PDB file of N, CA and C in Angstrom:
ATOM      1  N   MET A   1       0.837  -1.170   0.000  1.00  0.00           N
ATOM      2  CA  MET A   1       0.000   0.000   0.000  1.00  0.00           C
ATOM      3  C   MET A   1       0.890   1.245   0.000  1.00  0.00           C
ATOM      4  N   LYS A   2       0.476   2.257  -0.743  1.00  0.00           N
ATOM      5  CA  LYS A   2       1.240   3.497  -0.868  1.00  0.00           C
ATOM      6  C   LYS A   2       0.558   4.629  -0.092  1.00  0.00           C
ATOM      7  N   ILE A   3       1.388   5.541   0.403  1.00  0.00           N
ATOM      8  CA  ILE A   3       0.907   6.777   1.005  1.00  0.00           C
ATOM      9  C   ILE A   3       1.664   7.922   0.350  1.00  0.00           C
ATOM     10  N   ARG A   4       0.937   8.972   0.018  1.00  0.00           N
ATOM     11  CA  ARG A   4       1.556  10.128  -0.624  1.00  0.00           C
ATOM     12  C   ARG A   4       1.951  11.138   0.454  1.00  0.00           C
ATOM     13  N   ILE A   5       3.242  11.407   0.563  1.00  0.00           N
ATOM     14  CA  ILE A   5       3.796  12.283   1.586  1.00  0.00           C
ATOM     15  C   ILE A   5       4.321  13.555   0.937  1.00  0.00           C
ATOM     16  N   TYR A   6       3.918  14.702   1.458  1.00  0.00           N
ATOM     17  CA  TYR A   6       4.474  15.980   0.998  1.00  0.00           C
ATOM     18  C   TYR A   6       5.777  16.280   1.742  1.00  0.00           C
ATOM     19  N   GLU A   7       5.720  16.158   3.069  1.00  0.00           N
ATOM     20  CA  GLU A   7       6.869  16.453   3.916  1.00  0.00           C
ATOM     21  C   GLU A   7       6.611  15.827   5.280  1.00  0.00           C
ATOM     22  N   TRP A   8       7.689  15.638   6.036  1.00  0.00           N
ATOM     23  CA  TRP A   8       7.515  15.189   7.415  1.00  0.00           C
ATOM     24  C   TRP A   8       8.674  15.675   8.255  1.00  0.00           C
ATOM     25  N   GLN A   9       8.404  15.845   9.536  1.00  0.00           N
ATOM     26  CA  GLN A   9       9.410  16.249  10.514  1.00  0.00           C
ATOM     27  C   GLN A   9       9.408  15.204  11.619  1.00  0.00           C
ATOM     28  N   PRO A  10      10.552  14.664  11.978  1.00  0.00           N
ATOM     29  CA  PRO A  10      10.589  13.561  12.928  1.00  0.00           C
ATOM     30  C   PRO A  10      10.441  13.951  14.400  1.00  0.00           C
ATOM     31  N   ASN A  11      10.701  15.202  14.763  1.00  0.00           N
ATOM     32  CA  ASN A  11      10.689  15.537  16.180  1.00  0.00           C
ATOM     33  C   ASN A  11      10.298  16.995  16.390  1.00  0.00           C
ATOM     34  N   VAL A  12       8.990  17.226  16.504  1.00  0.00           N
ATOM     35  CA  VAL A  12       8.465  18.553  16.781  1.00  0.00           C
ATOM     36  C   VAL A  12       8.018  18.535  18.233  1.00  0.00           C
ATOM     37  N   CYS A  13       8.487  19.485  19.017  1.00  0.00           N
ATOM     38  CA  CYS A  13       8.256  19.451  20.458  1.00  0.00           C
ATOM     39  C   CYS A  13       7.263  20.524  20.903  1.00  0.00           C
ATOM     40  N   ASP A  14       6.161  20.084  21.512  1.00  0.00           N
ATOM     41  CA  ASP A  14       5.173  20.952  22.161  1.00  0.00           C
ATOM     42  C   ASP A  14       4.612  22.052  21.268  1.00  0.00           C
ATOM     43  N   VAL A  15       4.523  21.805  19.952  1.00  0.00           N
ATOM     44  CA  VAL A  15       3.956  22.803  19.052  1.00  0.00           C
ATOM     45  C   VAL A  15       2.599  22.331  18.531  1.00  0.00           C
ATOM     46  N   LEU A  16       2.559  21.173  17.923  1.00  0.00           N
ATOM     47  CA  LEU A  16       1.325  20.652  17.337  1.00  0.00           C
ATOM     48  C   LEU A  16       0.662  19.602  18.216  1.00  0.00           C
ATOM     49  N   GLY A  17       1.167  19.444  19.413  1.00  0.00           N
ATOM     50  CA  GLY A  17       0.645  18.490  20.380  1.00  0.00           C
ATOM     51  C   GLY A  17       1.656  18.359  21.493  1.00  0.00           C
ATOM     52  N   PRO A  18       1.252  17.794  22.616  1.00  0.00           N
ATOM     53  CA  PRO A  18       2.177  17.695  23.748  1.00  0.00           C
ATOM     54  C   PRO A  18       3.313  16.716  23.488  1.00  0.00           C
ATOM     55  N   GLY A  19       4.481  17.025  24.017  1.00  0.00           N
ATOM     56  CA  GLY A  19       5.622  16.126  23.912  1.00  0.00           C
ATOM     57  C   GLY A  19       6.291  16.189  22.560  1.00  0.00           C
ATOM     58  N   HIS A  20       7.025  15.131  22.256  1.00  0.00           N
ATOM     59  CA  HIS A  20       7.769  15.010  21.005  1.00  0.00           C
ATOM     60  C   HIS A  20       6.933  14.213  20.014  1.00  0.00           C
ATOM     61  N   ARG A  21       6.641  14.819  18.901  1.00  0.00           N
ATOM     62  CA  ARG A  21       5.778  14.179  17.904  1.00  0.00           C
ATOM     63  C   ARG A  21       6.404  14.236  16.522  1.00  0.00           C
ATOM     64  N   ALA A  22       6.141  13.222  15.743  1.00  0.00           N
ATOM     65  CA  ALA A  22       6.452  13.272  14.318  1.00  0.00           C
ATOM     66  C   ALA A  22       5.247  13.915  13.635  1.00  0.00           C
ATOM     67  N   VAL A  23       5.503  14.776  12.674  1.00  0.00           N
ATOM     68  CA  VAL A  23       4.431  15.426  11.923  1.00  0.00           C
ATOM     69  C   VAL A  23       4.561  15.016  10.464  1.00  0.00           C
ATOM     70  N   VAL A  24       3.458  14.548   9.902  1.00  0.00           N
ATOM     71  CA  VAL A  24       3.419  14.085   8.515  1.00  0.00           C
ATOM     72  C   VAL A  24       2.387  14.919   7.767  1.00  0.00           C
ATOM     73  N   TRP A  25       2.834  15.624   6.714  1.00  0.00           N
ATOM     74  CA  TRP A  25       1.924  16.350   5.841  1.00  0.00           C
ATOM     75  C   TRP A  25       1.732  15.492   4.598  1.00  0.00           C
ATOM     76  N   VAL A  26       0.508  15.065   4.353  1.00  0.00           N
ATOM     77  CA  VAL A  26       0.244  14.207   3.199  1.00  0.00           C
ATOM     78  C   VAL A  26       0.038  15.054   1.949  1.00  0.00           C
ATOM     79  N   GLN A  27       0.264  14.419   0.816  1.00  0.00           N
ATOM     80  CA  GLN A  27       0.160  15.071  -0.490  1.00  0.00           C
ATOM     81  C   GLN A  27      -1.167  14.689  -1.120  1.00  0.00           C
ATOM     82  N   GLY A  28      -1.879  15.679  -1.637  1.00  0.00           N
ATOM     83  CA  GLY A  28      -3.105  15.428  -2.369  1.00  0.00           C
ATOM     84  C   GLY A  28      -4.320  16.011  -1.675  1.00  0.00           C
ATOM     85  N   CYS A  29      -5.054  16.855  -2.404  1.00  0.00           N
ATOM     86  CA  CYS A  29      -6.300  17.415  -1.897  1.00  0.00           C
ATOM     87  C   CYS A  29      -7.152  17.841  -3.075  1.00  0.00           C
ATOM     88  N   SER A  30      -8.350  17.294  -3.154  1.00  0.00           N
ATOM     89  CA  SER A  30      -9.250  17.663  -4.247  1.00  0.00           C
ATOM     90  C   SER A  30     -10.236  18.754  -3.828  1.00  0.00           C
ATOM     91  N   LEU A  31     -10.173  19.231  -2.579  1.00  0.00           N
ATOM     92  CA  LEU A  31     -11.100  20.263  -2.103  1.00  0.00           C
ATOM     93  C   LEU A  31     -10.805  21.631  -2.716  1.00  0.00           C
ATOM     94  N   HIS A  32      -9.521  21.956  -2.874  1.00  0.00           N
ATOM     95  CA  HIS A  32      -9.092  23.234  -3.477  1.00  0.00           C
ATOM     96  C   HIS A  32      -9.820  24.422  -2.867  1.00  0.00           C
ATOM     97  N   CYS A  33      -9.794  24.517  -1.556  1.00  0.00           N
ATOM     98  CA  CYS A  33     -10.478  25.601  -0.837  1.00  0.00           C
ATOM     99  C   CYS A  33      -9.917  26.961  -1.233  1.00  0.00           C
ATOM    100  N   GLU A  34     -10.801  27.923  -1.397  1.00  0.00           N
ATOM    101  CA  GLU A  34     -10.376  29.292  -1.667  1.00  0.00           C
ATOM    102  C   GLU A  34      -9.563  29.791  -0.478  1.00  0.00           C
ATOM    103  N   GLY A  35      -8.408  30.386  -0.743  1.00  0.00           N
ATOM    104  CA  GLY A  35      -7.556  30.893   0.317  1.00  0.00           C
ATOM    105  C   GLY A  35      -6.705  29.831   0.992  1.00  0.00           C
ATOM    106  N   CYS A  36      -6.637  28.646   0.423  1.00  0.00           N
ATOM    107  CA  CYS A  36      -5.826  27.556   0.992  1.00  0.00           C
ATOM    108  C   CYS A  36      -4.400  28.046   1.238  1.00  0.00           C
ATOM    109  N   ILE A  37      -3.853  27.698   2.398  1.00  0.00           N
ATOM    110  CA  ILE A  37      -2.486  28.134   2.714  1.00  0.00           C
ATOM    111  C   ILE A  37      -1.428  27.210   2.119  1.00  0.00           C
ATOM    112  N   ALA A  38      -1.852  26.085   1.531  1.00  0.00           N
ATOM    113  CA  ALA A  38      -0.875  25.134   0.998  1.00  0.00           C
ATOM    114  C   ALA A  38      -1.334  24.515  -0.321  1.00  0.00           C
ATOM    115  N   PRO A  39      -1.608  25.324  -1.343  1.00  0.00           N
ATOM    116  CA  PRO A  39      -2.050  24.744  -2.618  1.00  0.00           C
ATOM    117  C   PRO A  39      -1.004  23.840  -3.262  1.00  0.00           C
ATOM    118  N   GLU A  40       0.261  23.976  -2.854  1.00  0.00           N
ATOM    119  CA  GLU A  40       1.295  23.091  -3.387  1.00  0.00           C
ATOM    120  C   GLU A  40       1.073  21.635  -2.981  1.00  0.00           C
ATOM    121  N   MET A  41       0.188  21.397  -2.018  1.00  0.00           N
ATOM    122  CA  MET A  41      -0.119  20.032  -1.583  1.00  0.00           C
ATOM    123  C   MET A  41      -1.310  19.438  -2.327  1.00  0.00           C
ATOM    124  N   TRP A  42      -1.950  20.177  -3.227  1.00  0.00           N
ATOM    125  CA  TRP A  42      -3.122  19.682  -3.932  1.00  0.00           C
ATOM    126  C   TRP A  42      -2.810  18.523  -4.864  1.00  0.00           C
ATOM    127  N   ASP A  43      -1.725  18.623  -5.620  1.00  0.00           N
ATOM    128  CA  ASP A  43      -1.364  17.584  -6.579  1.00  0.00           C
ATOM    129  C   ASP A  43      -1.184  16.259  -5.853  1.00  0.00           C
ATOM    130  N   LYS A  44      -1.720  15.204  -6.397  1.00  0.00           N
ATOM    131  CA  LYS A  44      -1.650  13.907  -5.717  1.00  0.00           C
ATOM    132  C   LYS A  44      -0.239  13.337  -5.665  1.00  0.00           C
ATOM    133  N   GLY A  45       0.570  13.538  -6.682  1.00  0.00           N
ATOM    134  CA  GLY A  45       1.960  13.069  -6.638  1.00  0.00           C
ATOM    135  C   GLY A  45       2.094  11.561  -6.506  1.00  0.00           C
ATOM    136  N   ASP A  46       3.321  11.133  -6.297  1.00  0.00           N
ATOM    137  CA  ASP A  46       3.630   9.711  -6.157  1.00  0.00           C
ATOM    138  C   ASP A  46       3.597   9.311  -4.693  1.00  0.00           C
ATOM    139  N   GLY A  47       3.470   8.030  -4.448  1.00  0.00           N
ATOM    140  CA  GLY A  47       3.438   7.536  -3.079  1.00  0.00           C
ATOM    141  C   GLY A  47       4.661   6.717  -2.721  1.00  0.00           C
ATOM    142  N   VAL A  48       4.792   6.489  -1.415  1.00  0.00           N
ATOM    143  CA  VAL A  48       5.841   5.615  -0.890  1.00  0.00           C
ATOM    144  C   VAL A  48       5.161   4.471  -0.151  1.00  0.00           C
ATOM    145  N   ASP A  49       5.854   3.382   0.001  1.00  0.00           N
ATOM    146  CA  ASP A  49       5.309   2.226   0.693  1.00  0.00           C
ATOM    147  C   ASP A  49       5.045   2.566   2.167  1.00  0.00           C
ATOM    148  N   VAL A  50       3.834   2.292   2.640  1.00  0.00           N
ATOM    149  CA  VAL A  50       3.455   2.610   4.022  1.00  0.00           C
ATOM    150  C   VAL A  50       4.386   1.929   5.018  1.00  0.00           C
ATOM    151  N   ASP A  51       4.693   0.659   4.822  1.00  0.00           N
ATOM    152  CA  ASP A  51       5.560  -0.058   5.759  1.00  0.00           C
ATOM    153  C   ASP A  51       6.959   0.549   5.797  1.00  0.00           C
ATOM    154  N   ASP A  52       7.490   0.898   4.627  1.00  0.00           N
ATOM    155  CA  ASP A  52       8.817   1.519   4.585  1.00  0.00           C
ATOM    156  C   ASP A  52       8.808   2.851   5.321  1.00  0.00           C
ATOM    157  N   PHE A  53       7.757   3.644   5.105  1.00  0.00           N
ATOM    158  CA  PHE A  53       7.672   4.942   5.765  1.00  0.00           C
ATOM    159  C   PHE A  53       7.461   4.771   7.274  1.00  0.00           C
ATOM    160  N   ALA A  54       6.662   3.794   7.680  1.00  0.00           N
ATOM    161  CA  ALA A  54       6.467   3.533   9.114  1.00  0.00           C
ATOM    162  C   ALA A  54       7.797   3.163   9.768  1.00  0.00           C
ATOM    163  N   ARG A  55       8.593   2.359   9.095  1.00  0.00           N
ATOM    164  CA  ARG A  55       9.925   2.014   9.620  1.00  0.00           C
ATOM    165  C   ARG A  55      10.792   3.263   9.776  1.00  0.00           C
ATOM    166  N   GLN A  56      10.725   4.134   8.783  1.00  0.00           N
ATOM    167  CA  GLN A  56      11.502   5.375   8.823  1.00  0.00           C
ATOM    168  C   GLN A  56      11.056   6.240  10.016  1.00  0.00           C
ATOM    169  N   LEU A  57       9.750   6.342  10.247  1.00  0.00           N
ATOM    170  CA  LEU A  57       9.253   7.106  11.396  1.00  0.00           C
ATOM    171  C   LEU A  57       9.746   6.504  12.712  1.00  0.00           C
ATOM    172  N   VAL A  58       9.617   5.201  12.851  1.00  0.00           N
ATOM    173  CA  VAL A  58      10.009   4.519  14.086  1.00  0.00           C
ATOM    174  C   VAL A  58      11.502   4.683  14.343  1.00  0.00           C
ATOM    175  N   SER A  59      12.298   4.621  13.292  1.00  0.00           N
ATOM    176  CA  SER A  59      13.747   4.700  13.470  1.00  0.00           C
ATOM    177  C   SER A  59      14.253   6.133  13.636  1.00  0.00           C
ATOM    178  N   SER A  60      13.355   7.118  13.497  1.00  0.00           N
ATOM    179  CA  SER A  60      13.786   8.515  13.590  1.00  0.00           C
ATOM    180  C   SER A  60      14.027   8.965  15.031  1.00  0.00           C
ATOM    181  N   GLY A  61      13.678   8.136  15.992  1.00  0.00           N
ATOM    182  CA  GLY A  61      13.905   8.476  17.395  1.00  0.00           C
ATOM    183  C   GLY A  61      12.633   8.345  18.199  1.00  0.00           C
ATOM    184  N   PRO A  62      12.750   8.467  19.511  1.00  0.00           N
ATOM    185  CA  PRO A  62      11.561   8.318  20.355  1.00  0.00           C
ATOM    186  C   PRO A  62      10.579   9.475  20.151  1.00  0.00           C
ATOM    187  N   ILE A  63       9.306   9.136  19.996  1.00  0.00           N
ATOM    188  CA  ILE A  63       8.249  10.141  19.852  1.00  0.00           C
ATOM    189  C   ILE A  63       7.075   9.739  20.736  1.00  0.00           C
ATOM    190  N   ASP A  64       6.284  10.744  21.102  1.00  0.00           N
ATOM    191  CA  ASP A  64       5.097  10.515  21.921  1.00  0.00           C
ATOM    192  C   ASP A  64       3.845  10.330  21.078  1.00  0.00           C
ATOM    193  N   GLY A  65       3.935  10.601  19.790  1.00  0.00           N
ATOM    194  CA  GLY A  65       2.780  10.464  18.924  1.00  0.00           C
ATOM    195  C   GLY A  65       3.082  10.962  17.527  1.00  0.00           C
ATOM    196  N   VAL A  66       2.076  10.846  16.659  1.00  0.00           N
ATOM    197  CA  VAL A  66       2.193  11.272  15.271  1.00  0.00           C
ATOM    198  C   VAL A  66       1.021  12.191  14.950  1.00  0.00           C
ATOM    199  N   ILE A  67       1.306  13.303  14.316  1.00  0.00           N
ATOM    200  CA  ILE A  67       0.291  14.241  13.829  1.00  0.00           C
ATOM    201  C   ILE A  67       0.241  14.082  12.317  1.00  0.00           C
ATOM    202  N   VAL A  68      -0.954  13.956  11.743  1.00  0.00           N
ATOM    203  CA  VAL A  68      -1.111  13.887  10.291  1.00  0.00           C
ATOM    204  C   VAL A  68      -1.914  15.107   9.858  1.00  0.00           C
ATOM    205  N   SER A  69      -1.373  15.834   8.884  1.00  0.00           N
ATOM    206  CA  SER A  69      -2.025  17.018   8.368  1.00  0.00           C
ATOM    207  C   SER A  69      -2.043  16.934   6.851  1.00  0.00           C
ATOM    208  N   GLY A  70      -2.507  17.985   6.186  1.00  0.00           N
ATOM    209  CA  GLY A  70      -2.664  17.884   4.748  1.00  0.00           C
ATOM    210  C   GLY A  70      -1.938  18.955   3.991  1.00  0.00           C
ATOM    211  N   GLY A  71      -2.205  18.710   2.773  1.00  0.00           N
ATOM    212  CA  GLY A  71      -3.183  18.045   1.934  1.00  0.00           C
ATOM    213  C   GLY A  71      -4.461  17.712   2.693  1.00  0.00           C
ATOM    214  N   GLU A  72      -5.050  16.609   2.286  1.00  0.00           N
ATOM    215  CA  GLU A  72      -6.290  16.133   2.900  1.00  0.00           C
ATOM    216  C   GLU A  72      -6.139  14.672   3.285  1.00  0.00           C
ATOM    217  N   PRO A  73      -5.834  14.395   4.563  1.00  0.00           N
ATOM    218  CA  PRO A  73      -5.596  13.020   5.006  1.00  0.00           C
ATOM    219  C   PRO A  73      -6.757  12.057   4.743  1.00  0.00           C
ATOM    220  N   SER A  74      -7.999  12.558   4.780  1.00  0.00           N
ATOM    221  CA  SER A  74      -9.134  11.653   4.590  1.00  0.00           C
ATOM    222  C   SER A  74      -9.199  11.095   3.173  1.00  0.00           C
ATOM    223  N   GLU A  75      -8.525  11.712   2.222  1.00  0.00           N
ATOM    224  CA  GLU A  75      -8.506  11.190   0.857  1.00  0.00           C
ATOM    225  C   GLU A  75      -7.578   9.981   0.726  1.00  0.00           C
ATOM    226  N   GLN A  76      -6.819   9.693   1.772  1.00  0.00           N
ATOM    227  CA  GLN A  76      -5.958   8.511   1.835  1.00  0.00           C
ATOM    228  C   GLN A  76      -6.226   7.767   3.140  1.00  0.00           C
ATOM    229  N   ALA A  77      -7.474   7.690   3.528  1.00  0.00           N
ATOM    230  CA  ALA A  77      -7.837   7.169   4.847  1.00  0.00           C
ATOM    231  C   ALA A  77      -7.244   5.787   5.130  1.00  0.00           C
ATOM    232  N   GLU A  78      -7.292   4.897   4.169  1.00  0.00           N
ATOM    233  CA  GLU A  78      -6.773   3.546   4.398  1.00  0.00           C
ATOM    234  C   GLU A  78      -5.261   3.568   4.642  1.00  0.00           C
ATOM    235  N   ALA A  79      -4.540   4.315   3.824  1.00  0.00           N
ATOM    236  CA  ALA A  79      -3.079   4.389   3.971  1.00  0.00           C
ATOM    237  C   ALA A  79      -2.688   5.116   5.251  1.00  0.00           C
ATOM    238  N   VAL A  80      -3.375   6.211   5.582  1.00  0.00           N
ATOM    239  CA  VAL A  80      -3.093   6.940   6.817  1.00  0.00           C
ATOM    240  C   VAL A  80      -3.390   6.055   8.020  1.00  0.00           C
ATOM    241  N   GLY A  81      -4.503   5.331   7.982  1.00  0.00           N
ATOM    242  CA  GLY A  81      -4.830   4.405   9.070  1.00  0.00           C
ATOM    243  C   GLY A  81      -3.762   3.339   9.236  1.00  0.00           C
ATOM    244  N   ALA A  82      -3.294   2.795   8.127  1.00  0.00           N
ATOM    245  CA  ALA A  82      -2.235   1.780   8.194  1.00  0.00           C
ATOM    246  C   ALA A  82      -0.962   2.367   8.785  1.00  0.00           C
ATOM    247  N   LEU A  83      -0.622   3.593   8.409  1.00  0.00           N
ATOM    248  CA  LEU A  83       0.565   4.243   8.958  1.00  0.00           C
ATOM    249  C   LEU A  83       0.422   4.420  10.466  1.00  0.00           C
ATOM    250  N   LEU A  84      -0.721   4.912  10.912  1.00  0.00           N
ATOM    251  CA  LEU A  84      -0.924   5.167  12.339  1.00  0.00           C
ATOM    252  C   LEU A  84      -0.962   3.877  13.161  1.00  0.00           C
ATOM    253  N   MET A  85      -1.297   2.791  12.505  1.00  0.00           N
ATOM    254  CA  MET A  85      -1.274   1.480  13.178  1.00  0.00           C
ATOM    255  C   MET A  85       0.112   0.837  13.099  1.00  0.00           C
ATOM    256  N   GLY A  86       1.066   1.539  12.491  1.00  0.00           N
ATOM    257  CA  GLY A  86       2.430   1.038  12.400  1.00  0.00           C
ATOM    258  C   GLY A  86       2.667   0.155  11.200  1.00  0.00           C
ATOM    259  N   GLY A  87       1.808   0.245  10.193  1.00  0.00           N
ATOM    260  CA  GLY A  87       1.964  -0.634   9.043  1.00  0.00           C
ATOM    261  C   GLY A  87       1.901  -2.075   9.510  1.00  0.00           C
ATOM    262  N   THR A  88       2.718  -2.907   8.954  1.00  0.00           N
ATOM    263  CA  THR A  88       2.738  -4.313   9.372  1.00  0.00           C
ATOM    264  C   THR A  88       3.954  -4.588  10.255  1.00  0.00           C
ATOM    265  N   ILE A  89       4.597  -3.506  10.754  1.00  0.00           N
ATOM    266  CA  ILE A  89       5.817  -3.697  11.536  1.00  0.00           C
ATOM    267  C   ILE A  89       5.576  -3.707  13.037  1.00  0.00           C
ATOM    268  N   ARG A  90       4.311  -3.573  13.443  1.00  0.00           N
ATOM    269  CA  ARG A  90       4.009  -3.571  14.870  1.00  0.00           C
ATOM    270  C   ARG A  90       4.517  -4.868  15.507  1.00  0.00           C
ATOM    271  N   GLY A  91       4.985  -4.735  16.750  1.00  0.00           N
ATOM    272  CA  GLY A  91       5.535  -5.917  17.419  1.00  0.00           C
ATOM    273  C   GLY A  91       4.716  -6.435  18.455  1.00  0.00           C
TER     274      GLY A  91
END
C-alpha cells in the first residue's frame, strides 16, 4: 500500500501536540479551498510504501505520537490508518 507524503518532521516538540511528535503532511487534496495556505499540496503526486515509511518514522527516534495534516488526510484514509497502526511492523 502506498501513502503520498508531501513532507515530514521527525521531532516537533510541544507545538502541534504535547511532547515530542512526528508530523506528517500528506500530499493530495481535491477540495481546493479558496484561500488555501498550501495549494502546493493539492497535486496527488507519487506515493511511498506505508511499511517503509512507518519504519523510517520509528527509526527517527523516540516520539510521543504522530500528527497527520494535509493536503487532505481523509482522501488517503486507508493508507493513513495503516501508517498510524504502524503498518505491518508492529511488534
